[in-house]
């Protein structure tokens, strides 16, 4: 995709970076936490620790294509919200 300035994530934890182009926002994936599901369309729903448009990093759940050059709609959660979410799920014996 033209205009994407991307660093490949390595085992050492290097970030994946892309700049705004063709409607995509700038993002830096600081930590790939893990896949949640892999629908049959080739994309993967993931939990990542990510910064959007140079803002404070947040936990992010959304679908990504294989090389992280395109993404779907998602949900972002701050660290404080993640603590509350964890407590809510534990109080309902989800884990």
C-alpha atoms as a PDB file:
ATOM      1  CA  UNK A   1       0.000   0.000   0.000  1.00  0.00           C
ATOM      2  CA  UNK A   2       1.484   3.341  -0.999  1.00  0.00           C
ATOM      3  CA  UNK A   3       2.463   5.700   1.794  1.00  0.00           C
ATOM      4  CA  UNK A   4       2.809   3.136   4.534  1.00  0.00           C
ATOM      5  CA  UNK A   5       5.992   3.556   6.567  1.00  0.00           C
ATOM      6  CA  UNK A   6       6.177   0.289   8.443  1.00  0.00           C
ATOM      7  CA  UNK A   7       8.594  -1.351  10.869  1.00  0.00           C
ATOM      8  CA  UNK A   8       8.170  -5.099  11.144  1.00  0.00           C
ATOM      9  CA  UNK A   9       7.526  -6.437  14.641  1.00  0.00           C
ATOM     10  CA  UNK A  10      10.311  -8.706  15.843  1.00  0.00           C
ATOM     11  CA  UNK A  11      10.642 -11.169  18.688  1.00  0.00           C
ATOM     12  CA  UNK A  12      12.482  -8.388  20.532  1.00  0.00           C
ATOM     13  CA  UNK A  13       9.323  -6.275  20.535  1.00  0.00           C
ATOM     14  CA  UNK A  14       9.980  -3.646  17.840  1.00  0.00           C
ATOM     15  CA  UNK A  15       6.854  -1.652  17.026  1.00  0.00           C
ATOM     16  CA  UNK A  16       4.828  -1.836  13.843  1.00  0.00           C
ATOM     17  CA  UNK A  17       4.363   1.715  12.591  1.00  0.00           C
ATOM     18  CA  UNK A  18       2.227   3.185   9.834  1.00  0.00           C
ATOM     19  CA  UNK A  19       1.535   6.777   8.846  1.00  0.00           C
ATOM     20  CA  UNK A  20      -1.707   8.334   7.686  1.00  0.00           C
ATOM     21  CA  UNK A  21      -2.401   7.745   4.015  1.00  0.00           C
ATOM     22  CA  UNK A  22      -5.555   6.902   2.101  1.00  0.00           C
ATOM     23  CA  UNK A  23      -7.747   7.335   5.186  1.00  0.00           C
ATOM     24  CA  UNK A  24      -5.622   5.272   7.575  1.00  0.00           C
ATOM     25  CA  UNK A  25      -4.624   6.799  10.909  1.00  0.00           C
ATOM     26  CA  UNK A  26      -1.040   6.782  12.161  1.00  0.00           C
ATOM     27  CA  UNK A  27      -0.479   3.932  14.576  1.00  0.00           C
ATOM     28  CA  UNK A  28       2.340   2.301  16.514  1.00  0.00           C
ATOM     29  CA  UNK A  29       1.813  -1.216  17.833  1.00  0.00           C
ATOM     30  CA  UNK A  30       4.011  -1.352  20.929  1.00  0.00           C
ATOM     31  CA  UNK A  31       3.054  -4.857  21.993  1.00  0.00           C
ATOM     32  CA  UNK A  32       1.156  -7.585  20.190  1.00  0.00           C
ATOM     33  CA  UNK A  33      -0.555  -9.322  23.094  1.00  0.00           C
ATOM     34  CA  UNK A  34      -2.228 -12.043  21.077  1.00  0.00           C
ATOM     35  CA  UNK A  35      -4.848 -13.196  18.597  1.00  0.00           C
ATOM     36  CA  UNK A  36      -8.441 -13.566  19.782  1.00  0.00           C
ATOM     37  CA  UNK A  37      -9.941 -15.228  16.705  1.00  0.00           C
ATOM     38  CA  UNK A  38      -9.177 -15.937  13.072  1.00  0.00           C
ATOM     39  CA  UNK A  39     -12.293 -15.666  10.900  1.00  0.00           C
ATOM     40  CA  UNK A  40     -12.243 -17.351   7.490  1.00  0.00           C
ATOM     41  CA  UNK A  41     -11.658 -14.009   5.696  1.00  0.00           C
ATOM     42  CA  UNK A  42      -7.885 -14.069   6.381  1.00  0.00           C
ATOM     43  CA  UNK A  43      -7.979 -11.269   8.942  1.00  0.00           C
ATOM     44  CA  UNK A  44      -7.253 -11.762  12.659  1.00  0.00           C
ATOM     45  CA  UNK A  45      -8.997 -10.191  15.645  1.00  0.00           C
ATOM     46  CA  UNK A  46      -6.188  -9.210  18.021  1.00  0.00           C
ATOM     47  CA  UNK A  47      -5.478  -7.608  21.368  1.00  0.00           C
ATOM     48  CA  UNK A  48      -2.623  -5.107  21.047  1.00  0.00           C
ATOM     49  CA  UNK A  49      -1.114  -2.263  23.054  1.00  0.00           C
ATOM     50  CA  UNK A  50      -1.157   0.546  20.514  1.00  0.00           C
ATOM     51  CA  UNK A  51      -0.854   4.308  20.068  1.00  0.00           C
ATOM     52  CA  UNK A  52      -3.176   6.054  17.593  1.00  0.00           C
ATOM     53  CA  UNK A  53      -2.105   9.432  16.148  1.00  0.00           C
ATOM     54  CA  UNK A  54       0.766   9.797  18.650  1.00  0.00           C
ATOM     55  CA  UNK A  55      -1.585   9.627  21.645  1.00  0.00           C
ATOM     56  CA  UNK A  56      -1.079   7.707  24.885  1.00  0.00           C
ATOM     57  CA  UNK A  57      -1.023   3.946  24.158  1.00  0.00           C
ATOM     58  CA  UNK A  58      -4.205   1.973  24.850  1.00  0.00           C
ATOM     59  CA  UNK A  59      -5.307  -1.639  24.741  1.00  0.00           C
ATOM     60  CA  UNK A  60      -6.966  -2.225  21.407  1.00  0.00           C
ATOM     61  CA  UNK A  61      -9.204  -5.007  20.100  1.00  0.00           C
ATOM     62  CA  UNK A  62      -9.792  -5.008  16.333  1.00  0.00           C
ATOM     63  CA  UNK A  63      -9.325  -7.032  13.164  1.00  0.00           C
ATOM     64  CA  UNK A  64      -6.135  -6.692  11.127  1.00  0.00           C
ATOM     65  CA  UNK A  65      -4.994  -8.044   7.790  1.00  0.00           C
ATOM     66  CA  UNK A  66      -1.961 -10.314   7.821  1.00  0.00           C
ATOM     67  CA  UNK A  67       0.722  -7.632   7.402  1.00  0.00           C
ATOM     68  CA  UNK A  68      -1.020  -4.946   9.519  1.00  0.00           C
ATOM     69  CA  UNK A  69      -1.457  -2.506   6.620  1.00  0.00           C
ATOM     70  CA  UNK A  70      -5.265  -2.457   6.995  1.00  0.00           C
ATOM     71  CA  UNK A  71      -7.607  -2.712   9.954  1.00  0.00           C
ATOM     72  CA  UNK A  72     -11.286  -2.876  10.806  1.00  0.00           C
ATOM     73  CA  UNK A  73     -13.356  -1.117  13.438  1.00  0.00           C
ATOM     74  CA  UNK A  74     -12.327  -1.807  16.983  1.00  0.00           C
ATOM     75  CA  UNK A  75     -12.529  -0.915  20.642  1.00  0.00           C
ATOM     76  CA  UNK A  76      -9.847   0.880  22.643  1.00  0.00           C
ATOM     77  CA  UNK A  77      -9.509   0.526  26.412  1.00  0.00           C
ATOM     78  CA  UNK A  78      -7.234   2.544  28.711  1.00  0.00           C
ATOM     79  CA  UNK A  79      -5.123   0.814  31.357  1.00  0.00           C
ATOM     80  CA  UNK A  80      -7.565   1.973  34.062  1.00  0.00           C
ATOM     81  CA  UNK A  81     -10.550   0.688  32.075  1.00  0.00           C
ATOM     82  CA  UNK A  82      -8.748  -2.622  31.557  1.00  0.00           C
ATOM     83  CA  UNK A  83      -8.423  -3.023  35.352  1.00  0.00           C
ATOM     84  CA  UNK A  84     -12.172  -2.396  35.757  1.00  0.00           C
ATOM     85  CA  UNK A  85     -12.966  -4.815  32.906  1.00  0.00           C
ATOM     86  CA  UNK A  86     -10.801  -7.500  34.485  1.00  0.00           C
ATOM     87  CA  UNK A  87     -12.530  -7.003  37.858  1.00  0.00           C
ATOM     88  CA  UNK A  88     -15.976  -7.177  36.235  1.00  0.00           C
ATOM     89  CA  UNK A  89     -15.133 -10.412  34.437  1.00  0.00           C
ATOM     90  CA  UNK A  90     -13.569 -11.981  37.531  1.00  0.00           C
ATOM     91  CA  UNK A  91     -16.583 -11.025  39.688  1.00  0.00           C
ATOM     92  CA  UNK A  92     -18.801 -12.938  37.274  1.00  0.00           C
ATOM     93  CA  UNK A  93     -16.488 -15.979  37.357  1.00  0.00           C
ATOM     94  CA  UNK A  94     -15.764 -15.704  33.640  1.00  0.00           C
ATOM     95  CA  UNK A  95     -12.189 -16.855  34.274  1.00  0.00           C
END
